[in-house]
PDB file of N, CA and C in Angstrom:
ATOM      1  N   MET A   1      83.599 141.014 224.304  1.00  0.00           N
ATOM      2  CA  MET A   1      83.559 142.012 225.283  1.00  0.00           C
ATOM      3  C   MET A   1      85.283 141.985 225.681  1.00  0.00           C
ATOM      4  N   ASN A   2      85.755 143.167 225.675  1.00  0.00           N
ATOM      5  CA  ASN A   2      86.753 142.800 225.814  1.00  0.00           C
ATOM      6  C   ASN A   2      87.075 142.806 227.955  1.00  0.00           C
ATOM      7  N   LYS A   3      88.583 143.394 227.642  1.00  0.00           N
ATOM      8  CA  LYS A   3      89.336 142.897 229.745  1.00  0.00           C
ATOM      9  C   LYS A   3      88.271 143.845 230.240  1.00  0.00           C
ATOM     10  N   GLY A   4      88.266 145.059 230.547  1.00  0.00           N
ATOM     11  CA  GLY A   4      87.408 145.183 231.063  1.00  0.00           C
ATOM     12  C   GLY A   4      86.217 144.948 232.011  1.00  0.00           C
ATOM     13  N   GLU A   5      85.606 144.478 230.796  1.00  0.00           N
ATOM     14  CA  GLU A   5      84.262 143.765 230.427  1.00  0.00           C
ATOM     15  C   GLU A   5      84.326 142.352 231.343  1.00  0.00           C
ATOM     16  N   LEU A   6      85.446 141.688 230.782  1.00  0.00           N
ATOM     17  CA  LEU A   6      85.654 140.085 231.418  1.00  0.00           C
ATOM     18  C   LEU A   6      85.845 140.682 232.990  1.00  0.00           C
ATOM     19  N   VAL A   7      87.212 141.453 233.212  1.00  0.00           N
ATOM     20  CA  VAL A   7      87.083 141.668 234.334  1.00  0.00           C
ATOM     21  C   VAL A   7      86.308 141.867 235.500  1.00  0.00           C
ATOM     22  N   ASP A   8      84.918 143.058 234.875  1.00  0.00           N
ATOM     23  CA  ASP A   8      84.291 143.096 235.750  1.00  0.00           C
ATOM     24  C   ASP A   8      82.415 141.614 235.834  1.00  0.00           C
ATOM     25  N   ALA A   9      83.005 140.626 234.717  1.00  0.00           N
ATOM     26  CA  ALA A   9      82.553 139.976 234.841  1.00  0.00           C
ATOM     27  C   ALA A   9      83.039 138.705 235.985  1.00  0.00           C
ATOM     28  N   ILE A  10      84.732 138.269 235.797  1.00  0.00           N
ATOM     29  CA  ILE A  10      85.420 137.584 236.896  1.00  0.00           C
ATOM     30  C   ILE A  10      84.434 138.274 238.294  1.00  0.00           C
ATOM     31  N   ALA A  11      84.164 139.799 238.677  1.00  0.00           N
ATOM     32  CA  ALA A  11      84.962 139.450 240.083  1.00  0.00           C
ATOM     33  C   ALA A  11      82.909 139.881 240.138  1.00  0.00           C
ATOM     34  N   LYS A  12      82.047 140.173 239.293  1.00  0.00           N
ATOM     35  CA  LYS A  12      80.742 138.921 239.715  1.00  0.00           C
ATOM     36  C   LYS A  12      80.531 137.636 239.720  1.00  0.00           C
ATOM     37  N   LYS A  13      81.394 137.160 238.997  1.00  0.00           N
ATOM     38  CA  LYS A  13      80.957 136.183 239.461  1.00  0.00           C
ATOM     39  C   LYS A  13      81.615 135.316 240.512  1.00  0.00           C
ATOM     40  N   ALA A  14      82.883 135.636 240.780  1.00  0.00           N
ATOM     41  CA  ALA A  14      83.477 135.740 242.825  1.00  0.00           C
ATOM     42  C   ALA A  14      82.917 135.446 243.070  1.00  0.00           C
ATOM     43  N   ALA A  15      81.327 136.474 242.832  1.00  0.00           N
ATOM     44  CA  ALA A  15      81.031 137.435 244.005  1.00  0.00           C
ATOM     45  C   ALA A  15      79.610 136.418 244.648  1.00  0.00           C
ATOM     46  N   GLU A  16      78.897 135.965 243.491  1.00  0.00           N
ATOM     47  CA  GLU A  16      78.355 135.102 242.849  1.00  0.00           C
ATOM     48  C   GLU A  16      78.761 133.236 244.375  1.00  0.00           C
ATOM     49  N   LYS A  17      79.759 133.349 244.049  1.00  0.00           N
ATOM     50  CA  LYS A  17      80.275 132.433 244.509  1.00  0.00           C
ATOM     51  C   LYS A  17      80.449 132.513 246.310  1.00  0.00           C
ATOM     52  N   GLY A  18      80.275 133.268 246.564  1.00  0.00           N
ATOM     53  CA  GLY A  18      80.830 133.763 247.957  1.00  0.00           C
ATOM     54  C   GLY A  18      82.088 134.681 248.098  1.00  0.00           C
ATOM     55  N   LEU A  19      82.587 134.657 246.929  1.00  0.00           N
ATOM     56  CA  LEU A  19      84.137 134.994 247.283  1.00  0.00           C
ATOM     57  C   LEU A  19      84.961 135.948 247.377  1.00  0.00           C
ATOM     58  N   SER A  20      85.335 137.437 248.152  1.00  0.00           N
ATOM     59  CA  SER A  20      85.698 138.488 247.941  1.00  0.00           C
ATOM     60  C   SER A  20      86.605 138.952 246.947  1.00  0.00           C
ATOM     61  N   VAL A  21      86.332 139.691 246.042  1.00  0.00           N
ATOM     62  CA  VAL A  21      87.111 139.499 245.085  1.00  0.00           C
ATOM     63  C   VAL A  21      86.679 140.579 244.313  1.00  0.00           C
ATOM     64  N   ASN A  22      87.708 142.076 244.473  1.00  0.00           N
ATOM     65  CA  ASN A  22      87.366 143.279 244.011  1.00  0.00           C
ATOM     66  C   ASN A  22      87.625 143.855 242.195  1.00  0.00           C
ATOM     67  N   LYS A  23      87.422 144.254 241.720  1.00  0.00           N
ATOM     68  CA  LYS A  23      88.016 144.220 240.041  1.00  0.00           C
ATOM     69  C   LYS A  23      89.774 144.488 239.950  1.00  0.00           C
ATOM     70  N   LYS A  24      89.800 145.194 241.077  1.00  0.00           N
ATOM     71  CA  LYS A  24      91.710 145.853 240.808  1.00  0.00           C
ATOM     72  C   LYS A  24      92.105 143.772 241.235  1.00  0.00           C
ATOM     73  N   THR A  25      92.005 143.510 242.353  1.00  0.00           N
ATOM     74  CA  THR A  25      92.301 141.571 241.916  1.00  0.00           C
ATOM     75  C   THR A  25      91.764 141.134 240.967  1.00  0.00           C
ATOM     76  N   ALA A  26      90.699 140.982 240.519  1.00  0.00           N
ATOM     77  CA  ALA A  26      90.007 140.403 239.306  1.00  0.00           C
ATOM     78  C   ALA A  26      91.230 140.734 237.825  1.00  0.00           C
ATOM     79  N   ASP A  27      91.449 142.303 237.795  1.00  0.00           N
ATOM     80  CA  ASP A  27      92.493 142.341 236.825  1.00  0.00           C
ATOM     81  C   ASP A  27      94.185 141.713 237.090  1.00  0.00           C
ATOM     82  N   GLU A  28      94.812 142.160 238.114  1.00  0.00           N
ATOM     83  CA  GLU A  28      95.325 141.610 238.458  1.00  0.00           C
ATOM     84  C   GLU A  28      95.747 140.166 238.874  1.00  0.00           C
ATOM     85  N   VAL A  29      94.997 139.495 238.477  1.00  0.00           N
ATOM     86  CA  VAL A  29      94.744 137.929 238.519  1.00  0.00           C
ATOM     87  C   VAL A  29      94.938 137.763 237.124  1.00  0.00           C
ATOM     88  N   LEU A  30      93.936 138.019 236.192  1.00  0.00           N
ATOM     89  CA  LEU A  30      93.796 137.499 234.695  1.00  0.00           C
ATOM     90  C   LEU A  30      94.884 138.463 234.192  1.00  0.00           C
ATOM     91  N   SER A  31      95.571 138.848 234.748  1.00  0.00           N
ATOM     92  CA  SER A  31      96.720 139.861 233.641  1.00  0.00           C
ATOM     93  C   SER A  31      97.980 138.739 234.256  1.00  0.00           C
ATOM     94  N   ALA A  32      98.123 138.379 235.760  1.00  0.00           N
ATOM     95  CA  ALA A  32      98.913 137.384 235.548  1.00  0.00           C
ATOM     96  C   ALA A  32      98.676 135.759 234.997  1.00  0.00           C
ATOM     97  N   THR A  33      97.708 135.437 234.555  1.00  0.00           N
ATOM     98  CA  THR A  33      97.354 134.301 234.267  1.00  0.00           C
ATOM     99  C   THR A  33      97.285 134.338 232.625  1.00  0.00           C
ATOM    100  N   LEU A  34      97.367 135.781 231.618  1.00  0.00           N
ATOM    101  CA  LEU A  34      97.681 135.696 230.358  1.00  0.00           C
ATOM    102  C   LEU A  34      98.947 135.511 230.648  1.00  0.00           C
ATOM    103  N   GLU A  35      99.348 136.214 231.399  1.00  0.00           N
ATOM    104  CA  GLU A  35     101.468 136.862 231.048  1.00  0.00           C
ATOM    105  C   GLU A  35     101.797 135.533 231.390  1.00  0.00           C
ATOM    106  N   VAL A  36     101.119 134.226 232.214  1.00  0.00           N
ATOM    107  CA  VAL A  36     101.808 132.750 232.251  1.00  0.00           C
ATOM    108  C   VAL A  36     101.808 132.203 231.610  1.00  0.00           C
ATOM    109  N   ILE A  37     100.778 132.797 229.995  1.00  0.00           N
ATOM    110  CA  ILE A  37      99.604 131.316 228.991  1.00  0.00           C
ATOM    111  C   ILE A  37     101.127 131.963 227.987  1.00  0.00           C
ATOM    112  N   ILE A  38     101.135 133.493 227.522  1.00  0.00           N
ATOM    113  CA  ILE A  38     102.175 133.645 226.976  1.00  0.00           C
ATOM    114  C   ILE A  38     103.421 133.203 226.815  1.00  0.00           C
ATOM    115  N   ASP A  39     104.632 133.171 228.225  1.00  0.00           N
ATOM    116  CA  ASP A  39     105.400 133.052 228.981  1.00  0.00           C
ATOM    117  C   ASP A  39     104.901 131.493 228.411  1.00  0.00           C
ATOM    118  N   THR A  40     105.064 130.340 228.980  1.00  0.00           N
ATOM    119  CA  THR A  40     105.274 129.365 228.772  1.00  0.00           C
ATOM    120  C   THR A  40     104.861 128.993 227.613  1.00  0.00           C
ATOM    121  N   VAL A  41     103.767 129.608 226.412  1.00  0.00           N
ATOM    122  CA  VAL A  41     103.690 129.271 224.629  1.00  0.00           C
ATOM    123  C   VAL A  41     105.127 129.936 224.212  1.00  0.00           C
ATOM    124  N   ALA A  42     105.546 130.878 224.712  1.00  0.00           N
ATOM    125  CA  ALA A  42     106.425 131.310 223.974  1.00  0.00           C
ATOM    126  C   ALA A  42     107.853 130.319 223.764  1.00  0.00           C
ATOM    127  N   SER A  43     107.806 129.591 225.112  1.00  0.00           N
ATOM    128  CA  SER A  43     109.013 128.871 225.514  1.00  0.00           C
ATOM    129  C   SER A  43     108.947 127.626 225.080  1.00  0.00           C
ATOM    130  N   GLY A  44     107.955 127.231 224.246  1.00  0.00           N
ATOM    131  CA  GLY A  44     107.400 125.806 223.475  1.00  0.00           C
ATOM    132  C   GLY A  44     106.960 125.044 223.616  1.00  0.00           C
ATOM    133  N   GLU A  45     105.867 125.444 225.576  1.00  0.00           N
ATOM    134  CA  GLU A  45     105.210 124.487 225.843  1.00  0.00           C
ATOM    135  C   GLU A  45     103.982 124.850 225.815  1.00  0.00           C
ATOM    136  N   LYS A  46     103.676 123.982 226.738  1.00  0.00           N
ATOM    137  CA  LYS A  46     101.706 123.944 225.727  1.00  0.00           C
ATOM    138  C   LYS A  46     100.916 123.710 226.795  1.00  0.00           C
ATOM    139  N   VAL A  47     100.340 124.797 227.087  1.00  0.00           N
ATOM    140  CA  VAL A  47      99.149 124.667 227.941  1.00  0.00           C
ATOM    141  C   VAL A  47      98.081 124.300 227.913  1.00  0.00           C
ATOM    142  N   THR A  48      97.610 123.507 229.218  1.00  0.00           N
ATOM    143  CA  THR A  48      95.803 122.365 228.848  1.00  0.00           C
ATOM    144  C   THR A  48      95.342 123.108 229.891  1.00  0.00           C
ATOM    145  N   LEU A  49      93.203 123.771 229.723  1.00  0.00           N
ATOM    146  CA  LEU A  49      92.905 123.566 230.759  1.00  0.00           C
ATOM    147  C   LEU A  49      91.893 122.779 230.388  1.00  0.00           C
ATOM    148  N   VAL A  50      91.791 121.690 231.173  1.00  0.00           N
ATOM    149  CA  VAL A  50      90.942 120.433 230.886  1.00  0.00           C
ATOM    150  C   VAL A  50      89.556 121.154 230.766  1.00  0.00           C
ATOM    151  N   GLY A  51      88.477 120.484 229.686  1.00  0.00           N
ATOM    152  CA  GLY A  51      87.374 121.573 229.352  1.00  0.00           C
ATOM    153  C   GLY A  51      86.923 122.731 228.866  1.00  0.00           C
ATOM    154  N   PHE A  52      88.617 123.495 229.005  1.00  0.00           N
ATOM    155  CA  PHE A  52      88.595 125.240 227.698  1.00  0.00           C
ATOM    156  C   PHE A  52      88.464 124.810 227.119  1.00  0.00           C
ATOM    157  N   GLY A  53      89.995 124.079 226.422  1.00  0.00           N
ATOM    158  CA  GLY A  53      91.243 124.078 225.499  1.00  0.00           C
ATOM    159  C   GLY A  53      92.241 124.407 225.918  1.00  0.00           C
ATOM    160  N   SER A  54      92.901 124.224 224.984  1.00  0.00           N
ATOM    161  CA  SER A  54      94.553 124.006 225.232  1.00  0.00           C
ATOM    162  C   SER A  54      95.389 125.094 223.923  1.00  0.00           C
ATOM    163  N   PHE A  55      96.398 125.762 224.716  1.00  0.00           N
ATOM    164  CA  PHE A  55      97.424 127.098 223.481  1.00  0.00           C
ATOM    165  C   PHE A  55      98.345 126.442 223.977  1.00  0.00           C
ATOM    166  N   GLU A  56      98.888 126.925 221.930  1.00  0.00           N
ATOM    167  CA  GLU A  56     100.556 125.717 221.756  1.00  0.00           C
ATOM    168  C   GLU A  56     101.249 127.267 220.798  1.00  0.00           C
ATOM    169  N   ALA A  57     102.583 126.894 220.874  1.00  0.00           N
ATOM    170  CA  ALA A  57     102.999 127.113 219.331  1.00  0.00           C
ATOM    171  C   ALA A  57     102.936 126.302 218.249  1.00  0.00           C
ATOM    172  N   ARG A  58     102.489 126.278 217.525  1.00  0.00           N
ATOM    173  CA  ARG A  58     102.542 125.395 215.508  1.00  0.00           C
ATOM    174  C   ARG A  58     103.384 126.582 214.831  1.00  0.00           C
ATOM    175  N   ASP A  59     104.182 125.629 213.490  1.00  0.00           N
ATOM    176  CA  ASP A  59     105.140 125.864 212.926  1.00  0.00           C
ATOM    177  C   ASP A  59     104.346 126.420 211.862  1.00  0.00           C
ATOM    178  N   ARG A  60     104.677 127.269 211.742  1.00  0.00           N
ATOM    179  CA  ARG A  60     104.253 127.591 209.671  1.00  0.00           C
ATOM    180  C   ARG A  60     104.786 127.743 208.507  1.00  0.00           C
ATOM    181  N   LYS A  61     104.686 127.120 207.361  1.00  0.00           N
ATOM    182  CA  LYS A  61     105.815 126.428 206.717  1.00  0.00           C
ATOM    183  C   LYS A  61     105.583 127.841 205.830  1.00  0.00           C
ATOM    184  N   ALA A  62     107.000 127.770 205.198  1.00  0.00           N
ATOM    185  CA  ALA A  62     107.000 128.753 204.490  1.00  0.00           C
ATOM    186  C   ALA A  62     106.623 128.492 202.759  1.00  0.00           C
ATOM    187  N   ARG A  63     105.777 130.077 202.434  1.00  0.00           N
ATOM    188  CA  ARG A  63     105.045 130.069 200.987  1.00  0.00           C
ATOM    189  C   ARG A  63     105.188 130.827 200.941  1.00  0.00           C
ATOM    190  N   GLU A  64     104.499 130.587 199.712  1.00  0.00           N
ATOM    191  CA  GLU A  64     104.629 132.160 198.660  1.00  0.00           C
ATOM    192  C   GLU A  64     102.973 132.570 198.449  1.00  0.00           C
ATOM    193  N   GLY A  65     104.093 133.924 198.790  1.00  0.00           N
ATOM    194  CA  GLY A  65     102.100 135.029 198.869  1.00  0.00           C
ATOM    195  C   GLY A  65     103.320 136.415 197.565  1.00  0.00           C
ATOM    196  N   ARG A  66     101.883 137.058 197.312  1.00  0.00           N
ATOM    197  CA  ARG A  66     102.086 138.154 196.761  1.00  0.00           C
ATOM    198  C   ARG A  66     102.137 139.360 197.516  1.00  0.00           C
ATOM    199  N   ASN A  67     102.864 140.913 197.256  1.00  0.00           N
ATOM    200  CA  ASN A  67     102.770 142.002 197.943  1.00  0.00           C
ATOM    201  C   ASN A  67     101.909 142.727 197.635  1.00  0.00           C
ATOM    202  N   PRO A  68     100.933 142.858 197.856  1.00  0.00           N
ATOM    203  CA  PRO A  68      98.798 143.705 197.365  1.00  0.00           C
ATOM    204  C   PRO A  68      99.516 144.550 197.262  1.00  0.00           C
ATOM    205  N   LYS A  69     100.292 145.175 197.243  1.00  0.00           N
ATOM    206  CA  LYS A  69     100.464 147.220 196.144  1.00  0.00           C
ATOM    207  C   LYS A  69     101.714 146.147 195.227  1.00  0.00           C
ATOM    208  N   THR A  70     101.837 145.679 194.640  1.00  0.00           N
ATOM    209  CA  THR A  70     102.836 145.896 193.747  1.00  0.00           C
ATOM    210  C   THR A  70     102.312 144.012 193.064  1.00  0.00           C
ATOM    211  N   GLY A  71     101.525 143.561 193.615  1.00  0.00           N
ATOM    212  CA  GLY A  71     101.205 142.062 192.948  1.00  0.00           C
ATOM    213  C   GLY A  71     102.705 141.053 192.451  1.00  0.00           C
ATOM    214  N   GLU A  72     103.867 142.087 192.698  1.00  0.00           N
ATOM    215  CA  GLU A  72     104.914 141.287 193.273  1.00  0.00           C
ATOM    216  C   GLU A  72     105.091 139.728 193.679  1.00  0.00           C
ATOM    217  N   LYS A  73     105.363 138.674 193.552  1.00  0.00           N
ATOM    218  CA  LYS A  73     105.493 136.752 194.420  1.00  0.00           C
ATOM    219  C   LYS A  73     106.859 137.352 195.124  1.00  0.00           C
ATOM    220  N   MET A  74     106.897 136.928 196.511  1.00  0.00           N
ATOM    221  CA  MET A  74     107.970 137.242 197.487  1.00  0.00           C
ATOM    222  C   MET A  74     107.988 135.767 197.970  1.00  0.00           C
ATOM    223  N   GLU A  75     108.759 135.483 198.843  1.00  0.00           N
ATOM    224  CA  GLU A  75     108.587 134.636 199.327  1.00  0.00           C
ATOM    225  C   GLU A  75     108.273 134.720 201.613  1.00  0.00           C
ATOM    226  N   ILE A  76     107.210 134.231 201.689  1.00  0.00           N
ATOM    227  CA  ILE A  76     106.912 134.136 202.795  1.00  0.00           C
ATOM    228  C   ILE A  76     107.997 133.559 203.875  1.00  0.00           C
ATOM    229  N   PRO A  77     108.186 133.488 204.941  1.00  0.00           N
ATOM    230  CA  PRO A  77     109.474 132.759 205.556  1.00  0.00           C
ATOM    231  C   PRO A  77     108.678 131.699 206.380  1.00  0.00           C
ATOM    232  N   ALA A  78     109.211 130.474 207.033  1.00  0.00           N
ATOM    233  CA  ALA A  78     108.739 129.927 207.800  1.00  0.00           C
ATOM    234  C   ALA A  78     108.079 130.341 209.639  1.00  0.00           C
ATOM    235  N   THR A  79     107.639 129.899 210.007  1.00  0.00           N
ATOM    236  CA  THR A  79     107.493 131.158 211.420  1.00  0.00           C
ATOM    237  C   THR A  79     106.650 130.009 212.513  1.00  0.00           C
ATOM    238  N   LYS A  80     107.055 130.705 213.482  1.00  0.00           N
ATOM    239  CA  LYS A  80     105.706 130.215 214.765  1.00  0.00           C
ATOM    240  C   LYS A  80     105.041 131.066 214.798  1.00  0.00           C
ATOM    241  N   VAL A  81     103.566 130.272 215.043  1.00  0.00           N
ATOM    242  CA  VAL A  81     101.852 131.387 215.042  1.00  0.00           C
ATOM    243  C   VAL A  81     101.885 130.056 216.903  1.00  0.00           C
ATOM    244  N   PRO A  82     100.595 131.566 217.131  1.00  0.00           N
ATOM    245  CA  PRO A  82     100.174 131.234 218.830  1.00  0.00           C
ATOM    246  C   PRO A  82      98.870 130.048 218.276  1.00  0.00           C
ATOM    247  N   ALA A  83      98.192 129.093 218.815  1.00  0.00           N
ATOM    248  CA  ALA A  83      97.537 127.807 218.380  1.00  0.00           C
ATOM    249  C   ALA A  83      95.982 128.250 219.491  1.00  0.00           C
ATOM    250  N   PHE A  84      95.174 128.327 219.433  1.00  0.00           N
ATOM    251  CA  PHE A  84      94.215 127.695 220.399  1.00  0.00           C
ATOM    252  C   PHE A  84      93.351 126.347 219.822  1.00  0.00           C
ATOM    253  N   SER A  85      93.296 125.265 220.373  1.00  0.00           N
ATOM    254  CA  SER A  85      92.494 124.378 220.304  1.00  0.00           C
ATOM    255  C   SER A  85      91.159 124.160 221.290  1.00  0.00           C
ATOM    256  N   ALA A  86      89.278 124.496 221.053  1.00  0.00           N
ATOM    257  CA  ALA A  86      89.192 124.450 222.048  1.00  0.00           C
ATOM    258  C   ALA A  86      88.583 122.939 222.727  1.00  0.00           C
ATOM    259  N   GLY A  87      88.405 122.640 223.815  1.00  0.00           N
ATOM    260  CA  GLY A  87      88.217 121.520 224.477  1.00  0.00           C
ATOM    261  C   GLY A  87      86.400 121.173 224.434  1.00  0.00           C
ATOM    262  N   LYS A  88      86.884 120.193 224.598  1.00  0.00           N
ATOM    263  CA  LYS A  88      84.774 118.614 223.939  1.00  0.00           C
ATOM    264  C   LYS A  88      83.959 120.156 224.703  1.00  0.00           C
ATOM    265  N   SER A  89      84.648 120.441 225.779  1.00  0.00           N
ATOM    266  CA  SER A  89      82.697 121.028 226.230  1.00  0.00           C
ATOM    267  C   SER A  89      82.568 122.266 226.191  1.00  0.00           C
ATOM    268  N   PHE A  90      84.143 122.815 225.693  1.00  0.00           N
ATOM    269  CA  PHE A  90      83.660 124.314 225.334  1.00  0.00           C
ATOM    270  C   PHE A  90      82.560 124.093 224.329  1.00  0.00           C
ATOM    271  N   LYS A  91      83.587 123.439 223.493  1.00  0.00           N
ATOM    272  CA  LYS A  91      82.831 123.274 221.619  1.00  0.00           C
ATOM    273  C   LYS A  91      81.192 122.680 221.677  1.00  0.00           C
ATOM    274  N   GLU A  92      81.053 122.402 222.346  1.00  0.00           N
ATOM    275  CA  GLU A  92      79.835 121.609 222.790  1.00  0.00           C
ATOM    276  C   GLU A  92      78.877 122.737 223.856  1.00  0.00           C
ATOM    277  N   GLN A  93      79.323 123.711 224.527  1.00  0.00           N
ATOM    278  CA  GLN A  93      78.168 124.592 224.836  1.00  0.00           C
ATOM    279  C   GLN A  93      78.613 125.332 224.179  1.00  0.00           C
ATOM    280  N   VAL A  94      79.432 125.765 222.784  1.00  0.00           N
ATOM    281  CA  VAL A  94      78.894 126.361 222.193  1.00  0.00           C
ATOM    282  C   VAL A  94      78.113 125.879 220.486  1.00  0.00           C
ATOM    283  N   SER A  95      77.927 124.974 220.280  1.00  0.00           N
ATOM    284  CA  SER A  95      77.186 124.431 219.625  1.00  0.00           C
ATOM    285  C   SER A  95      77.094 123.236 219.881  1.00  0.00           C
ATOM    286  N   PRO A  96      75.724 123.341 221.320  1.00  0.00           N
ATOM    287  CA  PRO A  96      75.467 121.575 221.075  1.00  0.00           C
ATOM    288  C   PRO A  96      74.883 120.098 220.528  1.00  0.00           C
ATOM    289  N   PRO A  97      75.850 119.723 220.624  1.00  0.00           N
ATOM    290  CA  PRO A  97      75.417 118.310 219.913  1.00  0.00           C
ATOM    291  C   PRO A  97      73.578 118.528 219.436  1.00  0.00           C
ATOM    292  N   SER A  98      73.553 118.417 218.664  1.00  0.00           N
ATOM    293  CA  SER A  98      72.325 117.982 217.418  1.00  0.00           C
ATOM    294  C   SER A  98      71.252 116.267 217.853  1.00  0.00           C
ATOM    295  N   ASP A  99      70.130 116.458 217.988  1.00  0.00           N
ATOM    296  CA  ASP A  99      69.972 114.923 218.420  1.00  0.00           C
ATOM    297  C   ASP A  99      69.115 114.623 217.404  1.00  0.00           C
TER     298      ASP A  99
END
């Protein structure tokens, strides 16, 4: 599913719930939500959506790698990377616990 399909699904789900949300409004709300999540994580804070999951920045240690063209060893510097951890109910919906 790409962003356009997600916007369509949001507008449809909102209509099912009796809300009047057109595709343009759904796109603007989704874009604003993503911007807030990105800005918050970039500033070093964590965003937690109960039941869905959390977004945060994690430190990645420096490590040794290889140049794929030459095979030469090189040092890859430490950096911060965005990370997502799925919440319990999200995990259970994707992979229901077996009885």
